[in-house]
């Protein structure tokens, strides 16, 4: 597998936009028709609270909560769809389910809502999968994700902010890491290593480098001896004489 594996398609933009747009439609419905969706969130260790495993990512407390989740989702879903198109649907679906189940098992006795758990799934999966692949593009993507969202790691610990579901974040982080181990990506071709990149490379023994002298000037080292003698003979014995003759018509009258 090589760089041709990464191809842009409409789904790279379509999936993230549709997903985030759906979140806004749900929130608009909640405000417009005064729906109370909070009871559909995850309520830990309660059978009725299991419904939140599927519904909680689409429910948000307020506009700020929804906005803060929308931008990372757009970026991360687009990156997932472009670099891991065959795994993207599984990562999203199973990520929602398993991160929700972990939250249901370890969470505090409150309703847990919001798509932040899925965001942690995406951050964790993209980071760990890129490092595991060893492929330069995916490693660069992993480092970019850490640069943008590395500060989120602090919110998987308790007591950082009581209003934040650190359990959902931790569940998402664990799920993303587990799926990075479960999903196998194609073997990528390693970058070509040239002779001059080898640690034991000696320029004096290289056939190409022998064509240059110590000052970097090109030297033709492959001219046969007979050819050299012919060239030397002509250079030493060939004289070119120029004679300038005046035309009769050029004389003054």
Protein backbone atom coordinates (compact mmCIF):
# COMPACT_ATOMS: atom_id res chain seq x y z
CA UNK A 1 0.00 0.00 0.00
CA UNK A 2 1.26 3.47 -0.86
CA UNK A 3 0.11 7.09 -0.99
CA UNK A 4 -2.49 6.22 -3.64
CA UNK A 5 -4.46 4.57 -0.85
CA UNK A 6 -5.51 8.03 0.34
CA UNK A 7 -8.11 9.39 -2.05
CA UNK A 8 -10.48 12.28 -1.52
CA UNK A 9 -14.18 11.51 -1.91
CA UNK A 10 -17.45 13.24 -1.12
CA UNK A 11 -17.83 11.12 2.01
CA UNK A 12 -14.74 12.76 3.53
CA UNK A 13 -16.78 15.95 3.91
CA UNK A 14 -20.28 14.51 3.73
CA UNK A 15 -20.08 12.21 6.75
CA UNK A 16 -18.74 14.81 9.23
CA UNK A 17 -21.15 17.49 8.04
CA UNK A 18 -24.16 15.17 8.20
CA UNK A 19 -23.21 13.89 11.66
CA UNK A 20 -22.71 17.37 13.13
CA UNK A 21 -25.80 18.73 11.37
CA UNK A 22 -27.85 15.96 12.96
CA UNK A 23 -26.59 17.02 16.40
CA UNK A 24 -27.77 20.57 15.74
CA UNK A 25 -31.17 19.35 14.52
CA UNK A 26 -31.62 17.35 17.72
CA UNK A 27 -30.69 20.37 19.82
CA UNK A 28 -33.00 22.64 17.78
CA UNK A 29 -35.86 20.18 18.32
CA UNK A 30 -35.13 20.17 22.03
CA UNK A 31 -35.35 23.97 22.19
CA UNK A 32 -38.15 24.46 19.66
CA UNK A 33 -40.55 21.85 21.01
CA UNK A 34 -39.35 21.87 24.62
CA UNK A 35 -38.32 18.22 24.57
CA UNK A 36 -36.53 16.87 27.61
CA UNK A 37 -33.90 14.54 26.22
CA UNK A 38 -31.73 14.50 29.33
CA UNK A 39 -33.50 11.40 30.66
CA UNK A 40 -32.23 9.60 27.55
CA UNK A 41 -28.63 10.02 28.64
CA UNK A 42 -26.48 7.37 30.28
CA UNK A 43 -27.45 6.69 33.88
CA UNK A 44 -24.79 4.35 35.31
CA UNK A 45 -25.66 0.88 36.61
CA UNK A 46 -29.35 1.31 35.93
CA UNK A 47 -31.09 -0.79 33.27
CA UNK A 48 -33.13 2.15 31.98
CA UNK A 49 -29.91 4.13 31.75
CA UNK A 50 -28.52 1.74 29.14
CA UNK A 51 -30.54 3.51 26.45
CA UNK A 52 -28.14 6.41 26.85
CA UNK A 53 -25.35 4.28 25.37
CA UNK A 54 -26.97 4.91 21.97
CA UNK A 55 -28.66 8.26 22.54
CA UNK A 56 -26.32 10.26 24.78
CA UNK A 57 -23.84 11.35 22.03
CA UNK A 58 -26.67 13.24 20.31
CA UNK A 59 -27.89 15.12 23.40
CA UNK A 60 -26.29 18.35 24.63
CA UNK A 61 -26.96 20.55 27.61
CA UNK A 62 -26.67 23.95 25.97
CA UNK A 63 -25.42 25.80 22.91
CA UNK A 64 -21.89 26.16 24.26
CA UNK A 65 -21.69 22.43 24.95
CA UNK A 66 -22.84 21.64 21.41
CA UNK A 67 -20.52 24.18 19.77
CA UNK A 68 -17.45 22.96 21.65
CA UNK A 69 -18.11 19.41 20.46
CA UNK A 70 -19.02 20.30 16.87
CA UNK A 71 -15.68 21.69 15.68
CA UNK A 72 -13.52 18.78 16.90
CA UNK A 73 -16.02 16.31 15.45
CA UNK A 74 -15.83 17.96 12.02
CA UNK A 75 -12.03 17.83 11.98
CA UNK A 76 -11.59 14.37 13.46
CA UNK A 77 -14.34 12.68 11.46
CA UNK A 78 -12.92 14.14 8.23
CA UNK A 79 -9.44 12.89 9.14
CA UNK A 80 -10.81 9.47 10.04
CA UNK A 81 -12.80 9.21 6.80
CA UNK A 82 -9.83 10.26 4.64
CA UNK A 83 -7.05 8.23 6.24
CA UNK A 84 -9.05 5.24 7.50
CA UNK A 85 -12.05 4.97 5.15
CA UNK A 86 -12.55 1.22 5.63
CA UNK A 87 -12.43 1.45 9.40
CA UNK A 88 -14.33 4.72 9.91
CA UNK A 89 -17.86 3.33 10.21
CA UNK A 90 -16.79 0.65 12.67
CA UNK A 91 -14.79 3.12 14.75
CA UNK A 92 -17.79 5.45 15.02
CA UNK A 93 -20.43 2.82 15.76
CA UNK A 94 -18.43 0.59 18.07
CA UNK A 95 -16.80 3.64 19.60
CA UNK A 96 -20.19 5.01 20.66
CA UNK A 97 -21.32 1.64 22.04
CA UNK A 98 -18.23 0.59 23.99
CA UNK A 99 -17.35 4.04 25.34
CA UNK A 100 -20.97 4.31 26.48
CA UNK A 101 -20.85 0.92 28.19
CA UNK A 102 -17.67 1.86 30.05
CA UNK A 103 -19.32 5.09 31.16
CA UNK A 104 -22.37 3.12 32.31
CA UNK A 105 -20.13 0.84 34.39
CA UNK A 106 -17.86 3.40 36.07
CA UNK A 107 -19.84 6.65 35.94
CA UNK A 108 -21.24 8.68 38.79
CA UNK A 109 -24.97 8.52 39.51
CA UNK A 110 -25.85 11.33 37.10
CA UNK A 111 -27.04 11.59 33.53
CA UNK A 112 -24.07 11.63 31.15
CA UNK A 113 -24.73 13.32 27.82
CA UNK A 114 -22.74 14.77 24.91
CA UNK A 115 -20.53 13.66 22.04
CA UNK A 116 -17.28 14.25 23.91
CA UNK A 117 -16.91 10.51 24.52
CA UNK A 118 -16.86 9.94 20.75
CA UNK A 119 -14.32 12.74 20.36
CA UNK A 120 -11.99 10.93 22.76
CA UNK A 121 -12.52 7.72 20.79
CA UNK A 122 -11.42 9.47 17.60
CA UNK A 123 -8.42 11.22 19.17
CA UNK A 124 -7.22 8.00 20.80
CA UNK A 125 -7.74 5.81 17.72
CA UNK A 126 -6.10 8.22 15.25
CA UNK A 127 -3.11 8.83 17.53
CA UNK A 128 -2.34 5.23 18.48
CA UNK A 129 -3.13 3.76 15.05
CA UNK A 130 -0.79 6.21 13.32
CA UNK A 131 2.07 5.44 15.70
CA UNK A 132 1.51 1.70 15.32
CA UNK A 133 1.53 1.88 11.51
CA UNK A 134 4.93 3.58 11.35
CA UNK A 135 3.88 5.17 8.05
CA UNK A 136 5.08 8.75 7.76
CA UNK A 137 1.72 10.25 6.76
CA UNK A 138 -0.18 8.55 9.56
CA UNK A 139 2.53 9.37 12.09
CA UNK A 140 2.32 13.01 11.01
CA UNK A 141 -1.46 12.85 11.49
CA UNK A 142 -0.96 11.43 14.99
CA UNK A 143 1.37 14.26 15.92
CA UNK A 144 -1.05 16.82 14.49
CA UNK A 145 -3.87 15.40 16.60
CA UNK A 146 -1.72 15.63 19.73
CA UNK A 147 -0.76 19.19 18.84
CA UNK A 148 -4.41 20.21 18.47
CA UNK A 149 -6.09 18.13 21.16
CA UNK A 150 -3.32 16.91 23.45
CA UNK A 151 -4.59 19.09 26.28
CA UNK A 152 -7.75 16.99 26.42
CA UNK A 153 -5.86 14.23 28.22
CA UNK A 154 -6.29 16.05 31.53
CA UNK A 155 -10.06 15.61 31.34
CA UNK A 156 -9.90 11.83 31.65
CA UNK A 157 -8.96 12.21 35.33
CA UNK A 158 -11.39 12.76 38.23
CA UNK A 159 -11.76 16.01 40.14
CA UNK A 160 -10.66 18.22 37.24
CA UNK A 161 -14.17 19.62 36.79
CA UNK A 162 -17.20 18.12 38.51
CA UNK A 163 -19.51 19.29 35.70
CA UNK A 164 -17.55 17.27 33.11
CA UNK A 165 -18.08 13.56 32.57
CA UNK A 166 -14.49 12.40 32.94
CA UNK A 167 -15.86 8.84 32.95
CA UNK A 168 -17.16 9.31 29.40
CA UNK A 169 -13.83 10.77 28.33
CA UNK A 170 -11.89 7.91 29.90
CA UNK A 171 -14.25 5.38 28.32
CA UNK A 172 -13.72 6.96 24.93
CA UNK A 173 -9.95 7.05 25.32
CA UNK A 174 -9.79 3.38 26.32
CA UNK A 175 -12.13 2.37 23.51
CA UNK A 176 -10.11 4.24 20.88
CA UNK A 177 -6.90 2.59 22.01
CA UNK A 178 -8.49 -0.88 22.03
CA UNK A 179 -9.85 -0.41 18.50
CA UNK A 180 -6.46 0.76 17.25
CA UNK A 181 -5.18 -2.68 18.26
CA UNK A 182 -8.19 -4.53 16.89
CA UNK A 183 -8.43 -2.93 13.45
CA UNK A 184 -5.68 -3.92 11.06
CA UNK A 185 -4.59 -1.46 8.41
CA UNK A 186 -2.77 -2.41 5.17
CA UNK A 187 0.97 -2.81 5.19
CA UNK A 188 2.42 0.39 3.82
CA UNK A 189 5.47 0.40 1.62
CA UNK A 190 8.50 1.63 3.43
CA UNK A 191 10.28 4.64 2.02
CA UNK A 192 13.05 3.83 -0.46
CA UNK A 193 16.51 4.01 1.13
CA UNK A 194 19.19 4.99 -1.38
CA UNK A 195 22.84 3.98 -1.20
CA UNK A 196 23.92 7.48 -0.18
CA UNK A 197 21.53 7.29 2.80
CA UNK A 198 23.21 4.21 4.19
CA UNK A 199 25.38 4.81 7.29
CA UNK A 200 28.38 3.00 5.71
CA UNK A 201 28.23 4.98 2.45
CA UNK A 202 31.70 5.95 1.09
CA UNK A 203 31.55 8.63 -1.62
CA UNK A 204 35.04 7.77 -2.87
CA UNK A 205 33.86 4.32 -3.92
CA UNK A 206 30.61 5.46 -5.48
CA UNK A 207 30.58 5.20 -9.29
CA UNK A 208 28.64 8.42 -9.71
CA UNK A 209 30.74 10.47 -7.28
CA UNK A 210 33.91 9.49 -9.17
CA UNK A 211 32.78 11.80 -11.96
CA UNK A 212 33.50 14.83 -9.77
CA UNK A 213 36.78 16.17 -8.46
CA UNK A 214 37.39 17.55 -5.00
CA UNK A 215 36.10 20.97 -6.09
CA UNK A 216 32.84 19.55 -7.44
CA UNK A 217 33.79 19.89 -11.10
CA UNK A 218 32.62 17.22 -13.51
CA UNK A 219 35.37 14.92 -14.76
CA UNK A 220 34.82 12.44 -17.58
CA UNK A 221 36.62 9.39 -16.27
CA UNK A 222 35.31 6.97 -18.86
CA UNK A 223 36.97 8.35 -22.08
CA UNK A 224 39.01 5.53 -23.72
CA UNK A 225 42.78 6.02 -24.02
CA UNK A 226 42.67 6.04 -27.86
CA UNK A 227 40.02 8.72 -27.78
CA UNK A 228 42.08 10.79 -25.40
CA UNK A 229 45.10 10.55 -27.74
CA UNK A 230 43.04 11.68 -30.75
CA UNK A 231 41.59 14.62 -28.84
CA UNK A 232 45.06 15.56 -27.58
CA UNK A 233 46.53 15.36 -31.12
CA UNK A 234 43.91 17.65 -32.60
CA UNK A 235 44.18 20.11 -29.75
CA UNK A 236 47.97 20.43 -30.25
CA UNK A 237 48.17 20.36 -34.07
CA UNK A 238 45.01 21.96 -35.27
CA UNK A 239 45.44 25.62 -36.13
CA UNK A 240 42.61 27.75 -37.37
CA UNK A 241 43.56 30.80 -39.48
CA UNK A 242 41.06 33.47 -40.47
CA UNK A 243 41.65 35.63 -43.59
CA UNK A 244 39.72 38.82 -44.10
CA UNK A 245 39.29 39.89 -47.73
CA UNK A 246 37.84 43.16 -48.88
CA UNK A 247 35.25 43.14 -51.61
CA UNK A 248 35.93 45.34 -54.61
CA UNK A 249 32.55 46.98 -54.16
CA UNK A 250 33.58 48.12 -50.69
CA UNK A 251 36.42 50.31 -52.03
CA UNK A 252 35.89 54.02 -52.03
CA UNK A 253 35.06 55.69 -55.34
